[in-house]
PDB file of N, CA and C in Angstrom:
ATOM      1  N   UNK A   1     115.822  66.899 113.752  1.00  0.00           N
ATOM      2  CA  UNK A   1     116.377  66.807 112.469  1.00  0.00           C
ATOM      3  C   UNK A   1     116.316  65.422 111.885  1.00  0.00           C
ATOM      4  N   UNK A   2     116.571  64.467 112.653  1.00  0.00           N
ATOM      5  CA  UNK A   2     116.513  63.235 112.124  1.00  0.00           C
ATOM      6  C   UNK A   2     115.044  62.702 111.841  1.00  0.00           C
ATOM      7  N   UNK A   3     113.940  63.073 112.586  1.00  0.00           N
ATOM      8  CA  UNK A   3     112.685  62.980 112.269  1.00  0.00           C
ATOM      9  C   UNK A   3     112.334  63.537 110.964  1.00  0.00           C
ATOM     10  N   UNK A   4     112.706  64.606 110.779  1.00  0.00           N
ATOM     11  CA  UNK A   4     112.160  65.381 109.406  1.00  0.00           C
ATOM     12  C   UNK A   4     112.691  64.614 108.367  1.00  0.00           C
ATOM     13  N   UNK A   5     113.992  64.184 108.461  1.00  0.00           N
ATOM     14  CA  UNK A   5     114.574  63.433 107.429  1.00  0.00           C
ATOM     15  C   UNK A   5     114.003  62.178 106.964  1.00  0.00           C
ATOM     16  N   UNK A   6     113.551  61.499 108.235  1.00  0.00           N
ATOM     17  CA  UNK A   6     112.811  60.274 108.012  1.00  0.00           C
ATOM     18  C   UNK A   6     111.351  60.516 107.343  1.00  0.00           C
ATOM     19  N   UNK A   7     110.730  61.535 107.987  1.00  0.00           N
ATOM     20  CA  UNK A   7     109.449  61.893 107.351  1.00  0.00           C
ATOM     21  C   UNK A   7     109.635  62.332 106.095  1.00  0.00           C
ATOM     22  N   UNK A   8     110.469  62.791 105.366  1.00  0.00           N
ATOM     23  CA  UNK A   8     110.747  63.121 103.989  1.00  0.00           C
ATOM     24  C   UNK A   8     111.002  61.873 103.162  1.00  0.00           C
ATOM     25  N   UNK A   9     111.908  60.898 103.766  1.00  0.00           N
ATOM     26  CA  UNK A   9     111.853  59.738 102.803  1.00  0.00           C
ATOM     27  C   UNK A   9     110.817  58.822 102.961  1.00  0.00           C
ATOM     28  N   UNK A  10     109.914  58.884 104.220  1.00  0.00           N
ATOM     29  CA  UNK A  10     108.689  58.059 104.074  1.00  0.00           C
ATOM     30  C   UNK A  10     107.632  58.851 103.064  1.00  0.00           C
ATOM     31  N   UNK A  11     107.588  60.040 102.915  1.00  0.00           N
ATOM     32  CA  UNK A  11     106.908  60.617 101.936  1.00  0.00           C
ATOM     33  C   UNK A  11     106.996  60.378 100.513  1.00  0.00           C
ATOM     34  N   UNK A  12     108.493  60.497 100.314  1.00  0.00           N
ATOM     35  CA  UNK A  12     109.259  60.187  98.876  1.00  0.00           C
ATOM     36  C   UNK A  12     108.680  58.749  98.473  1.00  0.00           C
ATOM     37  N   UNK A  13     108.811  57.737  99.541  1.00  0.00           N
ATOM     38  CA  UNK A  13     108.616  56.374  99.021  1.00  0.00           C
ATOM     39  C   UNK A  13     106.993  56.200  98.973  1.00  0.00           C
ATOM     40  N   UNK A  14     106.266  56.764  99.651  1.00  0.00           N
ATOM     41  CA  UNK A  14     104.689  56.296  99.854  1.00  0.00           C
ATOM     42  C   UNK A  14     104.100  57.190  98.571  1.00  0.00           C
ATOM     43  N   UNK A  15     104.142  58.482  98.362  1.00  0.00           N
ATOM     44  CA  UNK A  15     103.365  59.278  97.578  1.00  0.00           C
ATOM     45  C   UNK A  15     104.082  59.485  96.280  1.00  0.00           C
ATOM     46  N   UNK A  16     105.373  59.844  96.294  1.00  0.00           N
ATOM     47  CA  UNK A  16     105.845  60.260  95.034  1.00  0.00           C
ATOM     48  C   UNK A  16     105.669  61.763  94.534  1.00  0.00           C
ATOM     49  N   UNK A  17     104.551  62.265  95.364  1.00  0.00           N
ATOM     50  CA  UNK A  17     104.115  63.575  94.712  1.00  0.00           C
ATOM     51  C   UNK A  17     104.056  64.628  95.769  1.00  0.00           C
ATOM     52  N   UNK A  18     104.597  64.344  96.941  1.00  0.00           N
ATOM     53  CA  UNK A  18     104.490  65.327  98.203  1.00  0.00           C
ATOM     54  C   UNK A  18     105.848  65.211  98.732  1.00  0.00           C
ATOM     55  N   UNK A  19     106.200  66.621  99.149  1.00  0.00           N
ATOM     56  CA  UNK A  19     107.709  66.583  99.845  1.00  0.00           C
ATOM     57  C   UNK A  19     107.609  67.663 100.887  1.00  0.00           C
ATOM     58  N   UNK A  20     108.419  67.707 101.719  1.00  0.00           N
ATOM     59  CA  UNK A  20     108.736  68.662 102.640  1.00  0.00           C
ATOM     60  C   UNK A  20     109.771  69.659 102.138  1.00  0.00           C
ATOM     61  N   UNK A  21     109.466  70.899 102.229  1.00  0.00           N
ATOM     62  CA  UNK A  21     110.557  71.919 101.778  1.00  0.00           C
ATOM     63  C   UNK A  21     110.845  72.702 102.938  1.00  0.00           C
ATOM     64  N   UNK A  22     112.052  72.901 103.501  1.00  0.00           N
ATOM     65  CA  UNK A  22     112.233  73.834 104.543  1.00  0.00           C
ATOM     66  C   UNK A  22     112.092  75.320 103.995  1.00  0.00           C
ATOM     67  N   UNK A  23     111.357  76.028 104.854  1.00  0.00           N
ATOM     68  CA  UNK A  23     111.154  77.525 104.385  1.00  0.00           C
ATOM     69  C   UNK A  23     111.167  78.215 105.758  1.00  0.00           C
ATOM     70  N   UNK A  24     111.850  79.049 105.999  1.00  0.00           N
ATOM     71  CA  UNK A  24     111.999  79.941 106.952  1.00  0.00           C
ATOM     72  C   UNK A  24     111.865  79.246 108.379  1.00  0.00           C
ATOM     73  N   UNK A  25     110.702  79.624 108.993  1.00  0.00           N
ATOM     74  CA  UNK A  25     110.545  79.332 110.319  1.00  0.00           C
ATOM     75  C   UNK A  25     109.938  77.812 110.374  1.00  0.00           C
ATOM     76  N   UNK A  26     109.577  77.216 109.264  1.00  0.00           N
ATOM     77  CA  UNK A  26     109.003  75.982 109.298  1.00  0.00           C
ATOM     78  C   UNK A  26     108.961  75.261 108.198  1.00  0.00           C
ATOM     79  N   UNK A  27     108.336  74.442 107.853  1.00  0.00           N
ATOM     80  CA  UNK A  27     108.048  73.626 106.615  1.00  0.00           C
ATOM     81  C   UNK A  27     106.856  73.901 105.557  1.00  0.00           C
ATOM     82  N   UNK A  28     106.851  73.742 104.430  1.00  0.00           N
ATOM     83  CA  UNK A  28     105.599  73.869 103.512  1.00  0.00           C
ATOM     84  C   UNK A  28     105.505  72.504 103.073  1.00  0.00           C
ATOM     85  N   UNK A  29     104.319  72.238 102.755  1.00  0.00           N
ATOM     86  CA  UNK A  29     104.009  70.852 101.926  1.00  0.00           C
ATOM     87  C   UNK A  29     103.761  71.251 100.538  1.00  0.00           C
ATOM     88  N   UNK A  30     104.325  70.667  99.632  1.00  0.00           N
ATOM     89  CA  UNK A  30     104.280  70.839  98.268  1.00  0.00           C
ATOM     90  C   UNK A  30     103.812  69.565  97.515  1.00  0.00           C
ATOM     91  N   UNK A  31     102.789  69.633  96.622  1.00  0.00           N
ATOM     92  CA  UNK A  31     102.104  68.551  96.006  1.00  0.00           C
ATOM     93  C   UNK A  31     101.956  68.919  94.463  1.00  0.00           C
ATOM     94  N   UNK A  32     101.763  67.976  93.758  1.00  0.00           N
ATOM     95  CA  UNK A  32     101.287  68.140  92.425  1.00  0.00           C
ATOM     96  C   UNK A  32     100.197  67.410  92.265  1.00  0.00           C
ATOM     97  N   UNK A  33      99.208  68.053  91.296  1.00  0.00           N
ATOM     98  CA  UNK A  33      97.862  67.147  91.054  1.00  0.00           C
ATOM     99  C   UNK A  33      98.203  66.662  89.549  1.00  0.00           C
ATOM    100  N   UNK A  34      97.023  65.935  89.079  1.00  0.00           N
ATOM    101  CA  UNK A  34      97.199  65.137  87.867  1.00  0.00           C
ATOM    102  C   UNK A  34      97.264  66.084  86.827  1.00  0.00           C
ATOM    103  N   UNK A  35      96.709  67.321  86.779  1.00  0.00           N
ATOM    104  CA  UNK A  35      96.859  68.413  85.827  1.00  0.00           C
ATOM    105  C   UNK A  35      98.157  69.400  86.058  1.00  0.00           C
ATOM    106  N   UNK A  36      99.216  68.891  86.664  1.00  0.00           N
ATOM    107  CA  UNK A  36     100.510  69.506  86.873  1.00  0.00           C
ATOM    108  C   UNK A  36     100.326  70.859  87.457  1.00  0.00           C
ATOM    109  N   UNK A  37      99.317  70.896  88.239  1.00  0.00           N
ATOM    110  CA  UNK A  37      99.499  72.153  89.214  1.00  0.00           C
ATOM    111  C   UNK A  37     100.105  71.810  90.490  1.00  0.00           C
ATOM    112  N   UNK A  38     101.045  72.854  90.678  1.00  0.00           N
ATOM    113  CA  UNK A  38     101.789  72.742  91.886  1.00  0.00           C
ATOM    114  C   UNK A  38     100.998  73.444  93.182  1.00  0.00           C
ATOM    115  N   UNK A  39     100.889  72.913  94.232  1.00  0.00           N
ATOM    116  CA  UNK A  39      99.964  73.330  95.478  1.00  0.00           C
ATOM    117  C   UNK A  39     101.002  73.087  96.554  1.00  0.00           C
ATOM    118  N   UNK A  40     101.196  74.356  97.164  1.00  0.00           N
ATOM    119  CA  UNK A  40     102.236  74.644  98.336  1.00  0.00           C
ATOM    120  C   UNK A  40     101.583  75.329  99.359  1.00  0.00           C
ATOM    121  N   UNK A  41     101.513  74.647 100.718  1.00  0.00           N
ATOM    122  CA  UNK A  41     101.035  75.312 101.743  1.00  0.00           C
ATOM    123  C   UNK A  41     102.141  76.084 102.435  1.00  0.00           C
ATOM    124  N   UNK A  42     102.028  77.386 102.787  1.00  0.00           N
ATOM    125  CA  UNK A  42     103.273  78.192 103.619  1.00  0.00           C
ATOM    126  C   UNK A  42     102.657  78.839 104.914  1.00  0.00           C
ATOM    127  N   UNK A  43     103.546  79.067 105.719  1.00  0.00           N
ATOM    128  CA  UNK A  43     103.251  79.523 106.815  1.00  0.00           C
ATOM    129  C   UNK A  43     103.446  80.875 107.064  1.00  0.00           C
ATOM    130  N   UNK A  44     102.798  81.777 106.063  1.00  0.00           N
ATOM    131  CA  UNK A  44     102.732  83.009 105.751  1.00  0.00           C
ATOM    132  C   UNK A  44     101.376  83.593 105.604  1.00  0.00           C
ATOM    133  N   UNK A  45     100.992  84.699 106.141  1.00  0.00           N
ATOM    134  CA  UNK A  45      99.409  85.285 105.971  1.00  0.00           C
ATOM    135  C   UNK A  45      99.025  85.302 104.627  1.00  0.00           C
ATOM    136  N   UNK A  46      97.920  85.397 104.198  1.00  0.00           N
ATOM    137  CA  UNK A  46      97.489  85.402 102.801  1.00  0.00           C
ATOM    138  C   UNK A  46      97.747  86.766 102.214  1.00  0.00           C
ATOM    139  N   UNK A  47      97.822  87.841 102.806  1.00  0.00           N
ATOM    140  CA  UNK A  47      98.056  89.089 102.318  1.00  0.00           C
ATOM    141  C   UNK A  47      99.506  89.385 101.916  1.00  0.00           C
ATOM    142  N   UNK A  48     100.415  88.859 102.875  1.00  0.00           N
ATOM    143  CA  UNK A  48     101.790  88.922 102.599  1.00  0.00           C
ATOM    144  C   UNK A  48     102.196  88.045 101.465  1.00  0.00           C
ATOM    145  N   UNK A  49     101.625  86.910 101.406  1.00  0.00           N
ATOM    146  CA  UNK A  49     101.640  85.812 100.386  1.00  0.00           C
ATOM    147  C   UNK A  49     101.297  86.530  98.858  1.00  0.00           C
ATOM    148  N   UNK A  50     100.247  87.034  98.715  1.00  0.00           N
ATOM    149  CA  UNK A  50      99.740  87.460  97.747  1.00  0.00           C
ATOM    150  C   UNK A  50     100.326  88.668  97.235  1.00  0.00           C
ATOM    151  N   UNK A  51     100.888  89.596  98.017  1.00  0.00           N
ATOM    152  CA  UNK A  51     101.736  90.786  97.820  1.00  0.00           C
ATOM    153  C   UNK A  51     102.984  90.353  97.006  1.00  0.00           C
ATOM    154  N   UNK A  52     103.664  89.337  97.805  1.00  0.00           N
ATOM    155  CA  UNK A  52     104.917  88.839  97.397  1.00  0.00           C
ATOM    156  C   UNK A  52     104.833  88.053  96.080  1.00  0.00           C
ATOM    157  N   UNK A  53     103.676  87.358  95.984  1.00  0.00           N
ATOM    158  CA  UNK A  53     103.441  86.530  94.420  1.00  0.00           C
ATOM    159  C   UNK A  53     103.393  87.421  93.366  1.00  0.00           C
ATOM    160  N   UNK A  54     102.677  88.363  93.554  1.00  0.00           N
ATOM    161  CA  UNK A  54     102.431  89.480  92.459  1.00  0.00           C
ATOM    162  C   UNK A  54     103.798  90.248  92.175  1.00  0.00           C
ATOM    163  N   UNK A  55     104.736  90.362  93.142  1.00  0.00           N
ATOM    164  CA  UNK A  55     105.696  91.198  92.933  1.00  0.00           C
ATOM    165  C   UNK A  55     106.832  90.187  92.123  1.00  0.00           C
ATOM    166  N   UNK A  56     106.821  88.893  92.494  1.00  0.00           N
ATOM    167  CA  UNK A  56     107.567  87.959  91.922  1.00  0.00           C
ATOM    168  C   UNK A  56     107.228  87.650  90.537  1.00  0.00           C
ATOM    169  N   UNK A  57     105.883  87.585  90.315  1.00  0.00           N
ATOM    170  CA  UNK A  57     105.530  87.493  88.886  1.00  0.00           C
ATOM    171  C   UNK A  57     105.833  88.625  87.821  1.00  0.00           C
ATOM    172  N   UNK A  58     105.624  89.937  88.506  1.00  0.00           N
ATOM    173  CA  UNK A  58     106.063  90.946  87.682  1.00  0.00           C
ATOM    174  C   UNK A  58     107.453  91.119  87.397  1.00  0.00           C
ATOM    175  N   UNK A  59     108.176  90.410  88.209  1.00  0.00           N
ATOM    176  CA  UNK A  59     109.709  90.431  87.974  1.00  0.00           C
ATOM    177  C   UNK A  59     109.991  89.207  86.844  1.00  0.00           C
ATOM    178  N   UNK A  60     109.335  88.288  86.754  1.00  0.00           N
ATOM    179  CA  UNK A  60     109.684  87.300  85.794  1.00  0.00           C
ATOM    180  C   UNK A  60     109.137  87.442  84.624  1.00  0.00           C
ATOM    181  N   UNK A  61     107.774  88.155  84.411  1.00  0.00           N
ATOM    182  CA  UNK A  61     107.174  88.420  83.273  1.00  0.00           C
ATOM    183  C   UNK A  61     107.636  89.642  82.433  1.00  0.00           C
ATOM    184  N   UNK A  62     107.917  89.486  81.091  1.00  0.00           N
ATOM    185  CA  UNK A  62     108.202  90.896  80.336  1.00  0.00           C
ATOM    186  C   UNK A  62     107.077  91.796  80.045  1.00  0.00           C
ATOM    187  N   UNK A  63     106.020  90.958  80.187  1.00  0.00           N
ATOM    188  CA  UNK A  63     104.535  91.646  80.013  1.00  0.00           C
ATOM    189  C   UNK A  63     103.860  91.848  81.140  1.00  0.00           C
ATOM    190  N   UNK A  64     102.851  92.845  81.140  1.00  0.00           N
ATOM    191  CA  UNK A  64     102.041  92.985  82.247  1.00  0.00           C
ATOM    192  C   UNK A  64     101.491  91.870  82.794  1.00  0.00           C
ATOM    193  N   UNK A  65     101.171  91.686  84.040  1.00  0.00           N
ATOM    194  CA  UNK A  65     100.547  90.662  84.693  1.00  0.00           C
ATOM    195  C   UNK A  65      99.102  90.884  85.039  1.00  0.00           C
ATOM    196  N   UNK A  66      98.102  89.900  84.388  1.00  0.00           N
ATOM    197  CA  UNK A  66      96.794  90.146  84.649  1.00  0.00           C
ATOM    198  C   UNK A  66      96.218  89.750  86.136  1.00  0.00           C
ATOM    199  N   UNK A  67      95.930  90.454  86.817  1.00  0.00           N
ATOM    200  CA  UNK A  67      95.739  90.033  88.435  1.00  0.00           C
ATOM    201  C   UNK A  67      94.357  90.411  88.807  1.00  0.00           C
ATOM    202  N   UNK A  68      93.613  89.497  89.475  1.00  0.00           N
ATOM    203  CA  UNK A  68      92.332  89.910  90.087  1.00  0.00           C
ATOM    204  C   UNK A  68      92.607  89.851  91.665  1.00  0.00           C
ATOM    205  N   UNK A  69      92.631  90.927  92.358  1.00  0.00           N
ATOM    206  CA  UNK A  69      93.021  91.177  93.666  1.00  0.00           C
ATOM    207  C   UNK A  69      91.800  90.391  94.495  1.00  0.00           C
ATOM    208  N   UNK A  70      90.466  90.622  94.208  1.00  0.00           N
ATOM    209  CA  UNK A  70      89.461  90.047  94.893  1.00  0.00           C
ATOM    210  C   UNK A  70      89.938  88.323  94.918  1.00  0.00           C
ATOM    211  N   UNK A  71      89.847  87.828  93.873  1.00  0.00           N
ATOM    212  CA  UNK A  71      90.106  86.181  93.813  1.00  0.00           C
ATOM    213  C   UNK A  71      91.428  86.050  94.126  1.00  0.00           C
ATOM    214  N   UNK A  72      92.359  86.684  94.237  1.00  0.00           N
ATOM    215  CA  UNK A  72      94.005  86.508  94.468  1.00  0.00           C
ATOM    216  C   UNK A  72      94.473  85.614  93.464  1.00  0.00           C
ATOM    217  N   UNK A  73      94.204  86.016  92.213  1.00  0.00           N
ATOM    218  CA  UNK A  73      94.746  85.039  91.093  1.00  0.00           C
ATOM    219  C   UNK A  73      95.442  85.994  90.035  1.00  0.00           C
ATOM    220  N   UNK A  74      96.383  85.388  89.518  1.00  0.00           N
ATOM    221  CA  UNK A  74      97.198  86.118  88.472  1.00  0.00           C
ATOM    222  C   UNK A  74      97.563  85.197  87.238  1.00  0.00           C
ATOM    223  N   UNK A  75      97.588  85.780  86.124  1.00  0.00           N
ATOM    224  CA  UNK A  75      97.812  85.136  84.888  1.00  0.00           C
ATOM    225  C   UNK A  75      99.192  86.154  84.400  1.00  0.00           C
ATOM    226  N   UNK A  76     100.367  85.299  84.070  1.00  0.00           N
ATOM    227  CA  UNK A  76     101.442  85.913  83.565  1.00  0.00           C
ATOM    228  C   UNK A  76     102.155  85.163  82.218  1.00  0.00           C
ATOM    229  N   UNK A  77     102.702  85.958  81.239  1.00  0.00           N
ATOM    230  CA  UNK A  77     103.530  84.940  80.177  1.00  0.00           C
ATOM    231  C   UNK A  77     104.868  85.114  80.667  1.00  0.00           C
ATOM    232  N   UNK A  78     105.386  83.975  81.007  1.00  0.00           N
ATOM    233  CA  UNK A  78     106.719  83.548  81.447  1.00  0.00           C
ATOM    234  C   UNK A  78     107.324  82.639  80.379  1.00  0.00           C
ATOM    235  N   UNK A  79     108.439  83.280  79.689  1.00  0.00           N
ATOM    236  CA  UNK A  79     109.002  82.270  78.642  1.00  0.00           C
ATOM    237  C   UNK A  79     108.272  81.550  77.890  1.00  0.00           C
ATOM    238  N   UNK A  80     107.374  82.341  77.077  1.00  0.00           N
ATOM    239  CA  UNK A  80     106.281  81.943  76.231  1.00  0.00           C
ATOM    240  C   UNK A  80     105.418  80.856  76.919  1.00  0.00           C
ATOM    241  N   UNK A  81     105.269  80.908  78.163  1.00  0.00           N
ATOM    242  CA  UNK A  81     104.239  80.002  78.738  1.00  0.00           C
ATOM    243  C   UNK A  81     103.070  80.816  79.498  1.00  0.00           C
ATOM    244  N   UNK A  82     101.766  80.507  79.506  1.00  0.00           N
ATOM    245  CA  UNK A  82     100.912  81.081  80.215  1.00  0.00           C
ATOM    246  C   UNK A  82     100.845  80.372  81.636  1.00  0.00           C
ATOM    247  N   UNK A  83     101.178  81.286  82.786  1.00  0.00           N
ATOM    248  CA  UNK A  83     101.380  80.908  84.228  1.00  0.00           C
ATOM    249  C   UNK A  83     100.106  81.277  84.918  1.00  0.00           C
ATOM    250  N   UNK A  84      99.448  80.724  85.517  1.00  0.00           N
ATOM    251  CA  UNK A  84      98.375  80.995  86.263  1.00  0.00           C
ATOM    252  C   UNK A  84      98.719  80.690  87.816  1.00  0.00           C
ATOM    253  N   UNK A  85      98.657  81.741  88.702  1.00  0.00           N
ATOM    254  CA  UNK A  85      98.722  81.450  90.229  1.00  0.00           C
ATOM    255  C   UNK A  85      97.791  81.861  90.955  1.00  0.00           C
ATOM    256  N   UNK A  86      97.226  81.239  91.990  1.00  0.00           N
ATOM    257  CA  UNK A  86      96.206  81.829  92.926  1.00  0.00           C
ATOM    258  C   UNK A  86      96.812  81.506  94.306  1.00  0.00           C
ATOM    259  N   UNK A  87      96.312  82.442  95.316  1.00  0.00           N
ATOM    260  CA  UNK A  87      96.834  82.414  96.617  1.00  0.00           C
ATOM    261  C   UNK A  87      95.499  82.399  97.255  1.00  0.00           C
ATOM    262  N   UNK A  88      95.443  81.290  98.220  1.00  0.00           N
ATOM    263  CA  UNK A  88      94.120  81.292  99.000  1.00  0.00           C
ATOM    264  C   UNK A  88      94.444  81.173 100.581  1.00  0.00           C
ATOM    265  N   UNK A  89      93.524  81.521 101.329  1.00  0.00           N
ATOM    266  CA  UNK A  89      93.944  81.572 102.798  1.00  0.00           C
ATOM    267  C   UNK A  89      93.544  80.214 103.260  1.00  0.00           C
ATOM    268  N   UNK A  90      94.434  79.563 104.099  1.00  0.00           N
ATOM    269  CA  UNK A  90      94.381  78.311 104.745  1.00  0.00           C
ATOM    270  C   UNK A  90      93.996  78.256 106.062  1.00  0.00           C
ATOM    271  N   UNK A  91      94.557  79.041 106.783  1.00  0.00           N
ATOM    272  CA  UNK A  91      94.206  79.306 108.271  1.00  0.00           C
ATOM    273  C   UNK A  91      95.079  80.801 108.754  1.00  0.00           C
ATOM    274  N   UNK A  92      94.807  81.064 109.889  1.00  0.00           N
ATOM    275  CA  UNK A  92      95.358  82.345 110.382  1.00  0.00           C
ATOM    276  C   UNK A  92      96.850  82.130 110.238  1.00  0.00           C
ATOM    277  N   UNK A  93      97.559  83.069 109.372  1.00  0.00           N
ATOM    278  CA  UNK A  93      98.997  83.079 109.189  1.00  0.00           C
ATOM    279  C   UNK A  93      99.182  82.007 108.297  1.00  0.00           C
ATOM    280  N   UNK A  94      98.374  81.238 107.505  1.00  0.00           N
ATOM    281  CA  UNK A  94      98.752  80.194 106.442  1.00  0.00           C
ATOM    282  C   UNK A  94      98.166  80.343 105.429  1.00  0.00           C
ATOM    283  N   UNK A  95      98.836  79.935 104.248  1.00  0.00           N
ATOM    284  CA  UNK A  95      98.083  80.359 103.042  1.00  0.00           C
ATOM    285  C   UNK A  95      98.468  79.315 102.033  1.00  0.00           C
ATOM    286  N   UNK A  96      97.916  79.130 101.037  1.00  0.00           N
ATOM    287  CA  UNK A  96      98.149  77.988  99.837  1.00  0.00           C
ATOM    288  C   UNK A  96      98.276  78.572  98.483  1.00  0.00           C
ATOM    289  N   UNK A  97      99.463  78.166  97.955  1.00  0.00           N
ATOM    290  CA  UNK A  97      99.643  78.790  96.466  1.00  0.00           C
ATOM    291  C   UNK A  97      99.561  77.690  95.614  1.00  0.00           C
ATOM    292  N   UNK A  98      98.870  77.977  94.385  1.00  0.00           N
ATOM    293  CA  UNK A  98      98.668  77.114  93.306  1.00  0.00           C
ATOM    294  C   UNK A  98      99.304  77.568  92.142  1.00  0.00           C
ATOM    295  N   UNK A  99     100.286  76.973  91.513  1.00  0.00           N
ATOM    296  CA  UNK A  99     100.925  77.258  90.262  1.00  0.00           C
ATOM    297  C   UNK A  99     100.769  76.364  89.145  1.00  0.00           C
ATOM    298  N   UNK A 100     100.283  76.900  88.098  1.00  0.00           N
ATOM    299  CA  UNK A 100     100.228  75.898  86.751  1.00  0.00           C
ATOM    300  C   UNK A 100     100.643  76.636  85.348  1.00  0.00           C
ATOM    301  N   UNK A 101     101.207  75.902  84.550  1.00  0.00           N
ATOM    302  CA  UNK A 101     101.809  76.670  83.383  1.00  0.00           C
ATOM    303  C   UNK A 101     101.225  75.917  82.088  1.00  0.00           C
ATOM    304  N   UNK A 102     100.905  76.469  80.969  1.00  0.00           N
ATOM    305  CA  UNK A 102     100.460  75.855  79.698  1.00  0.00           C
ATOM    306  C   UNK A 102     101.582  76.408  78.475  1.00  0.00           C
ATOM    307  N   UNK A 103     102.030  75.731  77.737  1.00  0.00           N
ATOM    308  CA  UNK A 103     102.684  76.265  76.611  1.00  0.00           C
ATOM    309  C   UNK A 103     102.300  75.505  75.207  1.00  0.00           C
ATOM    310  N   UNK A 104     101.826  76.181  74.394  1.00  0.00           N
ATOM    311  CA  UNK A 104     101.180  75.663  73.134  1.00  0.00           C
ATOM    312  C   UNK A 104     100.089  74.782  73.289  1.00  0.00           C
ATOM    313  N   UNK A 105      99.239  75.073  74.634  1.00  0.00           N
ATOM    314  CA  UNK A 105      98.052  74.344  74.825  1.00  0.00           C
ATOM    315  C   UNK A 105      98.565  72.732  75.395  1.00  0.00           C
ATOM    316  N   UNK A 106      99.846  72.837  75.898  1.00  0.00           N
ATOM    317  CA  UNK A 106     100.251  71.616  76.699  1.00  0.00           C
ATOM    318  C   UNK A 106     100.723  71.902  78.059  1.00  0.00           C
ATOM    319  N   UNK A 107     100.721  71.160  79.144  1.00  0.00           N
ATOM    320  CA  UNK A 107     101.230  71.492  80.263  1.00  0.00           C
ATOM    321  C   UNK A 107     102.612  71.593  80.318  1.00  0.00           C
ATOM    322  N   UNK A 108     103.264  72.760  81.025  1.00  0.00           N
ATOM    323  CA  UNK A 108     104.440  72.889  80.944  1.00  0.00           C
ATOM    324  C   UNK A 108     104.808  72.986  82.630  1.00  0.00           C
ATOM    325  N   UNK A 109     105.178  71.717  82.986  1.00  0.00           N
ATOM    326  CA  UNK A 109     105.645  71.619  84.347  1.00  0.00           C
ATOM    327  C   UNK A 109     107.035  72.326  84.847  1.00  0.00           C
ATOM    328  N   UNK A 110     107.856  72.339  83.894  1.00  0.00           N
ATOM    329  CA  UNK A 110     109.170  72.906  84.120  1.00  0.00           C
ATOM    330  C   UNK A 110     109.007  74.544  84.487  1.00  0.00           C
ATOM    331  N   UNK A 111     108.242  74.920  83.928  1.00  0.00           N
ATOM    332  CA  UNK A 111     108.001  76.616  84.095  1.00  0.00           C
ATOM    333  C   UNK A 111     107.254  76.764  85.430  1.00  0.00           C
ATOM    334  N   UNK A 112     106.231  75.937  85.587  1.00  0.00           N
ATOM    335  CA  UNK A 112     105.217  76.041  86.953  1.00  0.00           C
ATOM    336  C   UNK A 112     106.232  75.669  87.816  1.00  0.00           C
ATOM    337  N   UNK A 113     107.146  74.730  87.897  1.00  0.00           N
ATOM    338  CA  UNK A 113     107.902  74.376  89.069  1.00  0.00           C
ATOM    339  C   UNK A 113     108.855  75.534  89.303  1.00  0.00           C
ATOM    340  N   UNK A 114     109.552  76.334  88.217  1.00  0.00           N
ATOM    341  CA  UNK A 114     110.440  77.273  88.439  1.00  0.00           C
ATOM    342  C   UNK A 114     109.770  78.454  89.122  1.00  0.00           C
ATOM    343  N   UNK A 115     108.502  78.696  88.670  1.00  0.00           N
ATOM    344  CA  UNK A 115     107.675  79.892  89.279  1.00  0.00           C
ATOM    345  C   UNK A 115     107.695  79.633  90.420  1.00  0.00           C
ATOM    346  N   UNK A 116     107.111  78.636  90.749  1.00  0.00           N
ATOM    347  CA  UNK A 116     106.727  78.094  92.272  1.00  0.00           C
ATOM    348  C   UNK A 116     108.150  78.116  93.349  1.00  0.00           C
ATOM    349  N   UNK A 117     109.151  77.780  92.785  1.00  0.00           N
ATOM    350  CA  UNK A 117     110.440  77.744  93.440  1.00  0.00           C
ATOM    351  C   UNK A 117     110.828  79.199  93.669  1.00  0.00           C
ATOM    352  N   UNK A 118     110.497  80.207  92.719  1.00  0.00           N
ATOM    353  CA  UNK A 118     111.135  81.395  92.741  1.00  0.00           C
ATOM    354  C   UNK A 118     110.108  82.414  93.578  1.00  0.00           C
ATOM    355  N   UNK A 119     108.706  81.965  93.623  1.00  0.00           N
ATOM    356  CA  UNK A 119     107.762  82.422  94.651  1.00  0.00           C
ATOM    357  C   UNK A 119     108.152  82.164  96.244  1.00  0.00           C
ATOM    358  N   UNK A 120     108.468  80.862  96.370  1.00  0.00           N
ATOM    359  CA  UNK A 120     108.798  80.470  97.676  1.00  0.00           C
ATOM    360  C   UNK A 120     110.149  81.132  98.199  1.00  0.00           C
ATOM    361  N   UNK A 121     111.077  81.319  97.212  1.00  0.00           N
ATOM    362  CA  UNK A 121     112.403  81.869  97.612  1.00  0.00           C
ATOM    363  C   UNK A 121     112.176  83.289  98.060  1.00  0.00           C
ATOM    364  N   UNK A 122     111.485  84.180  97.063  1.00  0.00           N
ATOM    365  CA  UNK A 122     111.176  85.325  97.453  1.00  0.00           C
ATOM    366  C   UNK A 122     110.383  85.790  98.815  1.00  0.00           C
ATOM    367  N   UNK A 123     109.518  84.774  99.004  1.00  0.00           N
ATOM    368  CA  UNK A 123     108.400  84.813 100.133  1.00  0.00           C
ATOM    369  C   UNK A 123     109.555  84.632 101.468  1.00  0.00           C
ATOM    370  N   UNK A 124     110.405  83.623 101.184  1.00  0.00           N
ATOM    371  CA  UNK A 124     111.234  83.303 102.391  1.00  0.00           C
ATOM    372  C   UNK A 124     112.269  84.499 102.681  1.00  0.00           C
ATOM    373  N   UNK A 125     112.719  85.353 101.696  1.00  0.00           N
ATOM    374  CA  UNK A 125     113.370  86.547 102.033  1.00  0.00           C
ATOM    375  C   UNK A 125     112.643  87.394 102.783  1.00  0.00           C
ATOM    376  N   UNK A 126     111.360  87.580 102.538  1.00  0.00           N
ATOM    377  CA  UNK A 126     110.540  88.619 103.163  1.00  0.00           C
ATOM    378  C   UNK A 126     110.175  88.285 104.922  1.00  0.00           C
ATOM    379  N   UNK A 127     110.451  86.918 105.014  1.00  0.00           N
ATOM    380  CA  UNK A 127     110.177  86.641 106.501  1.00  0.00           C
ATOM    381  C   UNK A 127     111.405  86.501 107.418  1.00  0.00           C
TER     382      UNK A 127
END
């Protein structure tokens, strides 16, 4: 436990954009890019992650969610923001979730962060 706290502190001091978040059986690595896209690596298979992500988006959006199952991408309107989510396979039983949002053609990091957190919370409950 002490090493996890030390590693978290080290990452916070050196990068400012990466952090370790406890999730179920292990940790996930969350980062943001220059275009305010949240990228999260989770220790869950891509099929389970994609199914859970679609369910979460459908609960958050009052309108139908536009999904592309082949590309594992979805676009939803949440709180007047256009939220784009993609799920990619990273390794066996690991996947990467990317979340970004725009509102009035501007980046909406608050909504993207909220959606990311809700996806992770719902995914953790399934494990």
